[in-house]
Amino acid sequence: MSESDSAPIHPVDAKRRPATVKETKALAHPLRVRMVRLCGQYELTNKQLADRLGVDPGTAHYHVRQLVDAGFLEPAPVRTGESGALEKPYRSTGRSWWLSDALAGSDPSDGFAPVEAFQQELAEAGPTSIATYARFSLHLSPEDIEELDRRIVAVIDEYVETDDSRRDLPVHGGMFLLHRSAD
């Protein structure tokens, strides 16, 4: 698989905004969340996505169509593959990063696709892949939560906005998730 082709992963006019119903539904499956992430790193074909994610090409195609229809993936320029055949890769539009509430309106019985996708990616990478982590328990007011989220997301946004300048460095994934603890 040629994974050297990469594309910018954030739109120039990006601003945080609520997800539409269509966007929420498109991100409601962990496989689609993983596809968006992979296509943010590399321009990949349906077959490459299927091979990478361990699914059949028809399944990959179905999920890619959902992501294209919701605006999370777009076709990249057609290229010649290693065998000489023409390939039709996809790349991320970067839109998913700028959604402020992609889980809003999700059916809890469906699970939480971004969390499941992160768990799958972490399991695939293995425990030695963890660069750093922080586990914590805090007493927070609603205002504290807003401020913590604003500050952490602002730092992550800085890195997202300048990521193109570091494309030659190893890729790292992560997730910031704050939840209310069960009593």
C-alpha atoms as a PDB file:
ATOM      1  CA  MET A   1       0.000   0.000   0.000  1.00  0.00           C
ATOM      2  CA  SER A   2       1.417   3.374  -0.959  1.00  0.00           C
ATOM      3  CA  GLU A   3       0.820   5.601   2.047  1.00  0.00           C
ATOM      4  CA  SER A   4       3.210   8.348   1.037  1.00  0.00           C
ATOM      5  CA  ASP A   5       0.491  10.502  -0.499  1.00  0.00           C
ATOM      6  CA  SER A   6      -0.845  12.859   2.121  1.00  0.00           C
ATOM      7  CA  ALA A   7      -3.240  15.773   2.002  1.00  0.00           C
ATOM      8  CA  PRO A   8      -3.937  18.741   4.260  1.00  0.00           C
ATOM      9  CA  ILE A   9      -6.460  17.695   6.879  1.00  0.00           C
ATOM     10  CA  HIS A  10      -8.041  20.987   7.820  1.00  0.00           C
ATOM     11  CA  PRO A  11     -10.067  23.438   5.768  1.00  0.00           C
ATOM     12  CA  VAL A  12      -8.792  27.004   5.593  1.00  0.00           C
ATOM     13  CA  ASP A  13     -12.051  28.519   6.863  1.00  0.00           C
ATOM     14  CA  ALA A  14     -12.482  26.010   9.707  1.00  0.00           C
ATOM     15  CA  LYS A  15     -14.517  27.018  12.739  1.00  0.00           C
ATOM     16  CA  ARG A  16     -15.993  24.821  15.460  1.00  0.00           C
ATOM     17  CA  ARG A  17     -19.676  24.177  14.929  1.00  0.00           C
ATOM     18  CA  PRO A  18     -22.386  21.676  15.927  1.00  0.00           C
ATOM     19  CA  ALA A  19     -22.689  18.529  13.828  1.00  0.00           C
ATOM     20  CA  THR A  20     -25.668  18.106  11.537  1.00  0.00           C
ATOM     21  CA  VAL A  21     -27.856  15.005  11.851  1.00  0.00           C
ATOM     22  CA  LYS A  22     -26.241  13.616   8.678  1.00  0.00           C
ATOM     23  CA  GLU A  23     -22.744  14.195  10.087  1.00  0.00           C
ATOM     24  CA  THR A  24     -23.651  12.613  13.421  1.00  0.00           C
ATOM     25  CA  LYS A  25     -24.996   9.526  11.650  1.00  0.00           C
ATOM     26  CA  ALA A  26     -21.895   9.291   9.461  1.00  0.00           C
ATOM     27  CA  LEU A  27     -19.639   9.285  12.529  1.00  0.00           C
ATOM     28  CA  ALA A  28     -21.816   6.783  14.407  1.00  0.00           C
ATOM     29  CA  HIS A  29     -19.744   3.784  13.319  1.00  0.00           C
ATOM     30  CA  PRO A  30     -16.178   3.131  14.584  1.00  0.00           C
ATOM     31  CA  LEU A  31     -15.065   1.885  11.167  1.00  0.00           C
ATOM     32  CA  ARG A  32     -16.018   5.214   9.582  1.00  0.00           C
ATOM     33  CA  VAL A  33     -14.240   7.157  12.331  1.00  0.00           C
ATOM     34  CA  ARG A  34     -11.098   5.120  11.636  1.00  0.00           C
ATOM     35  CA  MET A  35     -11.443   5.702   7.878  1.00  0.00           C
ATOM     36  CA  VAL A  36     -11.591   9.462   8.378  1.00  0.00           C
ATOM     37  CA  ARG A  37      -8.428   9.319  10.494  1.00  0.00           C
ATOM     38  CA  LEU A  38      -6.548   7.098   8.033  1.00  0.00           C
ATOM     39  CA  CYS A  39      -7.532   9.268   5.066  1.00  0.00           C
ATOM     40  CA  GLY A  40      -6.325  12.295   7.012  1.00  0.00           C
ATOM     41  CA  GLN A  41      -2.861  10.755   6.993  1.00  0.00           C
ATOM     42  CA  TYR A  42      -2.850   9.140   3.551  1.00  0.00           C
ATOM     43  CA  GLU A  43      -4.846   9.142   0.346  1.00  0.00           C
ATOM     44  CA  LEU A  44      -6.251   5.603   0.345  1.00  0.00           C
ATOM     45  CA  THR A  45      -8.416   3.539  -2.000  1.00  0.00           C
ATOM     46  CA  ASN A  46     -11.369   1.390  -0.919  1.00  0.00           C
ATOM     47  CA  LYS A  47      -9.141  -1.686  -1.264  1.00  0.00           C
ATOM     48  CA  GLN A  48      -6.364  -0.143   0.843  1.00  0.00           C
ATOM     49  CA  LEU A  49      -8.872   0.839   3.528  1.00  0.00           C
ATOM     50  CA  ALA A  50     -10.406  -2.650   3.464  1.00  0.00           C
ATOM     51  CA  ASP A  51      -6.968  -4.287   3.810  1.00  0.00           C
ATOM     52  CA  ARG A  52      -5.879  -1.928   6.569  1.00  0.00           C
ATOM     53  CA  LEU A  53      -9.101  -2.339   8.563  1.00  0.00           C
ATOM     54  CA  GLY A  54      -9.615  -6.055   7.949  1.00  0.00           C
ATOM     55  CA  VAL A  55     -12.960  -5.787   6.154  1.00  0.00           C
ATOM     56  CA  ASP A  56     -14.088  -6.800   2.683  1.00  0.00           C
ATOM     57  CA  PRO A  57     -13.907  -4.155  -0.091  1.00  0.00           C
ATOM     58  CA  GLY A  58     -17.717  -3.998  -0.394  1.00  0.00           C
ATOM     59  CA  THR A  59     -18.018  -3.061   3.272  1.00  0.00           C
ATOM     60  CA  ALA A  60     -15.272  -0.466   2.887  1.00  0.00           C
ATOM     61  CA  HIS A  61     -17.008   0.977  -0.181  1.00  0.00           C
ATOM     62  CA  TYR A  62     -20.340   1.271   1.676  1.00  0.00           C
ATOM     63  CA  HIS A  63     -18.741   3.161   4.570  1.00  0.00           C
ATOM     64  CA  VAL A  64     -16.650   5.369   2.268  1.00  0.00           C
ATOM     65  CA  ARG A  65     -19.845   6.397   0.425  1.00  0.00           C
ATOM     66  CA  GLN A  66     -21.438   7.392   3.757  1.00  0.00           C
ATOM     67  CA  LEU A  67     -18.416   9.555   4.568  1.00  0.00           C
ATOM     68  CA  VAL A  68     -18.296  11.148   1.117  1.00  0.00           C
ATOM     69  CA  ASP A  69     -22.025  11.939   1.283  1.00  0.00           C
ATOM     70  CA  ALA A  70     -21.552  13.621   4.686  1.00  0.00           C
ATOM     71  CA  GLY A  71     -18.551  15.638   3.452  1.00  0.00           C
ATOM     72  CA  PHE A  72     -15.867  13.915   5.564  1.00  0.00           C
ATOM     73  CA  LEU A  73     -14.042  12.280   2.642  1.00  0.00           C
ATOM     74  CA  GLU A  74     -13.490  13.464  -0.908  1.00  0.00           C
ATOM     75  CA  PRO A  75     -11.996  11.820  -3.975  1.00  0.00           C
ATOM     76  CA  ALA A  76      -8.305  12.536  -4.458  1.00  0.00           C
ATOM     77  CA  PRO A  77      -6.750  12.644  -7.940  1.00  0.00           C
ATOM     78  CA  VAL A  78      -6.710   9.307  -9.758  1.00  0.00           C
ATOM     79  CA  ARG A  79      -3.244   7.745  -9.718  1.00  0.00           C
ATOM     80  CA  THR A  80      -1.400   4.760 -11.132  1.00  0.00           C
ATOM     81  CA  GLY A  81      -0.936   1.969  -8.597  1.00  0.00           C
ATOM     82  CA  GLU A  82       2.012  -0.386  -8.181  1.00  0.00           C
ATOM     83  CA  SER A  83       0.473  -2.870 -10.635  1.00  0.00           C
ATOM     84  CA  GLY A  84      -0.048  -0.146 -13.263  1.00  0.00           C
ATOM     85  CA  ALA A  85      -3.809  -0.028 -12.747  1.00  0.00           C
ATOM     86  CA  LEU A  86      -5.591   3.257 -12.110  1.00  0.00           C
ATOM     87  CA  GLU A  87      -6.547   3.814  -8.471  1.00  0.00           C
ATOM     88  CA  LYS A  88      -9.214   6.116  -7.066  1.00  0.00           C
ATOM     89  CA  PRO A  89      -8.086   7.196  -3.596  1.00  0.00           C
ATOM     90  CA  TYR A  90      -9.943   9.259  -0.996  1.00  0.00           C
ATOM     91  CA  ARG A  91      -8.709  11.871   1.448  1.00  0.00           C
ATOM     92  CA  SER A  92     -10.156  13.502   4.520  1.00  0.00           C
ATOM     93  CA  THR A  93     -11.660  16.955   4.197  1.00  0.00           C
ATOM     94  CA  GLY A  94     -10.755  17.693   7.830  1.00  0.00           C
ATOM     95  CA  ARG A  95     -14.347  18.641   8.666  1.00  0.00           C
ATOM     96  CA  SER A  96     -14.784  16.102  11.439  1.00  0.00           C
ATOM     97  CA  TRP A  97     -12.174  17.823  13.608  1.00  0.00           C
ATOM     98  CA  TRP A  98     -14.129  21.064  13.629  1.00  0.00           C
ATOM     99  CA  LEU A  99     -17.377  19.607  14.972  1.00  0.00           C
ATOM    100  CA  SER A 100     -18.091  20.714  18.515  1.00  0.00           C
ATOM    101  CA  ASP A 101     -20.561  17.956  19.383  1.00  0.00           C
ATOM    102  CA  ALA A 102     -20.242  14.974  17.051  1.00  0.00           C
ATOM    103  CA  LEU A 103     -21.789  12.667  19.672  1.00  0.00           C
ATOM    104  CA  ALA A 104     -24.847  14.837  20.349  1.00  0.00           C
ATOM    105  CA  GLY A 105     -28.003  12.989  19.456  1.00  0.00           C
ATOM    106  CA  SER A 106     -26.202   9.638  19.239  1.00  0.00           C
ATOM    107  CA  ASP A 107     -28.107   6.623  20.426  1.00  0.00           C
ATOM    108  CA  PRO A 108     -26.222   5.324  23.507  1.00  0.00           C
ATOM    109  CA  SER A 109     -27.209   1.755  22.597  1.00  0.00           C
ATOM    110  CA  ASP A 110     -25.054   2.121  19.478  1.00  0.00           C
ATOM    111  CA  GLY A 111     -22.003   2.740  21.659  1.00  0.00           C
ATOM    112  CA  PHE A 112     -19.721   5.667  21.209  1.00  0.00           C
ATOM    113  CA  ALA A 113     -18.045   5.212  17.840  1.00  0.00           C
ATOM    114  CA  PRO A 114     -15.138   7.643  18.380  1.00  0.00           C
ATOM    115  CA  VAL A 115     -14.261   5.953  21.688  1.00  0.00           C
ATOM    116  CA  GLU A 116     -14.558   2.483  20.150  1.00  0.00           C
ATOM    117  CA  ALA A 117     -12.421   3.550  17.182  1.00  0.00           C
ATOM    118  CA  PHE A 118      -9.779   4.948  19.538  1.00  0.00           C
ATOM    119  CA  GLN A 119      -9.755   1.705  21.550  1.00  0.00           C
ATOM    120  CA  GLN A 120      -9.325  -0.329  18.361  1.00  0.00           C
ATOM    121  CA  GLU A 121      -6.492   1.900  17.138  1.00  0.00           C
ATOM    122  CA  LEU A 122      -4.732   1.755  20.497  1.00  0.00           C
ATOM    123  CA  ALA A 123      -5.056  -2.038  20.642  1.00  0.00           C
ATOM    124  CA  GLU A 124      -3.685  -2.272  17.090  1.00  0.00           C
ATOM    125  CA  ALA A 125      -0.714  -0.031  17.925  1.00  0.00           C
ATOM    126  CA  GLY A 126       0.037  -1.844  21.191  1.00  0.00           C
ATOM    127  CA  PRO A 127       1.036  -0.612  24.659  1.00  0.00           C
ATOM    128  CA  THR A 128       4.531   0.461  23.581  1.00  0.00           C
ATOM    129  CA  SER A 129       2.944   3.055  21.268  1.00  0.00           C
ATOM    130  CA  ILE A 130       1.747   5.208  24.181  1.00  0.00           C
ATOM    131  CA  ALA A 131       3.873   8.356  24.277  1.00  0.00           C
ATOM    132  CA  THR A 132       2.192   9.892  27.316  1.00  0.00           C
ATOM    133  CA  TYR A 133      -1.091   9.881  29.190  1.00  0.00           C
ATOM    134  CA  ALA A 134      -2.759  11.502  32.130  1.00  0.00           C
ATOM    135  CA  ARG A 135      -5.489   9.852  34.172  1.00  0.00           C
ATOM    136  CA  PHE A 136      -7.309  12.149  36.538  1.00  0.00           C
ATOM    137  CA  SER A 137     -10.352  12.713  38.669  1.00  0.00           C
ATOM    138  CA  LEU A 138     -11.504  16.285  39.275  1.00  0.00           C
ATOM    139  CA  HIS A 139     -14.418  18.037  40.965  1.00  0.00           C
ATOM    140  CA  LEU A 140     -15.709  20.501  38.357  1.00  0.00           C
ATOM    141  CA  SER A 141     -18.556  22.943  37.941  1.00  0.00           C
ATOM    142  CA  PRO A 142     -20.161  23.369  34.508  1.00  0.00           C
ATOM    143  CA  GLU A 143     -18.082  26.538  34.109  1.00  0.00           C
ATOM    144  CA  ASP A 144     -14.895  24.636  35.031  1.00  0.00           C
ATOM    145  CA  ILE A 145     -15.717  22.022  32.396  1.00  0.00           C
ATOM    146  CA  GLU A 146     -16.210  24.684  29.736  1.00  0.00           C
ATOM    147  CA  GLU A 147     -12.915  26.351  30.634  1.00  0.00           C
ATOM    148  CA  LEU A 148     -10.950  23.085  30.745  1.00  0.00           C
ATOM    149  CA  ASP A 149     -12.371  22.041  27.377  1.00  0.00           C
ATOM    150  CA  ARG A 150     -11.715  25.455  25.828  1.00  0.00           C
ATOM    151  CA  ARG A 151      -8.084  25.474  26.969  1.00  0.00           C
ATOM    152  CA  ILE A 152      -7.277  21.903  25.979  1.00  0.00           C
ATOM    153  CA  VAL A 153      -8.984  22.192  22.606  1.00  0.00           C
ATOM    154  CA  ALA A 154      -7.172  25.498  21.942  1.00  0.00           C
ATOM    155  CA  VAL A 155      -3.809  23.765  22.422  1.00  0.00           C
ATOM    156  CA  ILE A 156      -4.832  20.840  20.211  1.00  0.00           C
ATOM    157  CA  ASP A 157      -6.177  23.272  17.578  1.00  0.00           C
ATOM    158  CA  GLU A 158      -2.760  24.976  17.446  1.00  0.00           C
ATOM    159  CA  TYR A 159      -1.137  21.664  16.608  1.00  0.00           C
ATOM    160  CA  VAL A 160      -3.848  20.682  14.107  1.00  0.00           C
ATOM    161  CA  GLU A 161      -3.537  24.009  12.288  1.00  0.00           C
ATOM    162  CA  THR A 162       0.237  23.614  11.908  1.00  0.00           C
ATOM    163  CA  ASP A 163       0.362  19.863  11.323  1.00  0.00           C
ATOM    164  CA  ASP A 164       1.308  20.197   7.644  1.00  0.00           C
ATOM    165  CA  SER A 165       4.697  21.603   8.730  1.00  0.00           C
ATOM    166  CA  ARG A 166       5.431  18.357  10.626  1.00  0.00           C
ATOM    167  CA  ARG A 167       4.365  15.774   8.023  1.00  0.00           C
ATOM    168  CA  ASP A 168       7.856  14.251   8.058  1.00  0.00           C
ATOM    169  CA  LEU A 169       7.500  13.253  11.738  1.00  0.00           C
ATOM    170  CA  PRO A 170       5.811  10.127  13.158  1.00  0.00           C
ATOM    171  CA  VAL A 171       2.013  10.267  13.412  1.00  0.00           C
ATOM    172  CA  HIS A 172       0.485  10.226  16.903  1.00  0.00           C
ATOM    173  CA  GLY A 173      -3.179   9.812  17.769  1.00  0.00           C
ATOM    174  CA  GLY A 174      -4.998  10.805  20.900  1.00  0.00           C
ATOM    175  CA  MET A 175      -8.304  11.602  22.436  1.00  0.00           C
ATOM    176  CA  PHE A 176      -9.431  13.993  25.129  1.00  0.00           C
ATOM    177  CA  LEU A 177     -12.554  12.733  26.824  1.00  0.00           C
ATOM    178  CA  LEU A 178     -14.030  14.078  30.025  1.00  0.00           C
ATOM    179  CA  HIS A 179     -16.908  12.166  31.577  1.00  0.00           C
ATOM    180  CA  ARG A 180     -18.932  12.402  34.726  1.00  0.00           C
ATOM    181  CA  SER A 181     -18.004   9.523  37.042  1.00  0.00           C
ATOM    182  CA  ALA A 182     -20.653   7.090  38.188  1.00  0.00           C
ATOM    183  CA  ASP A 183     -21.434   7.554  41.860  1.00  0.00           C
END
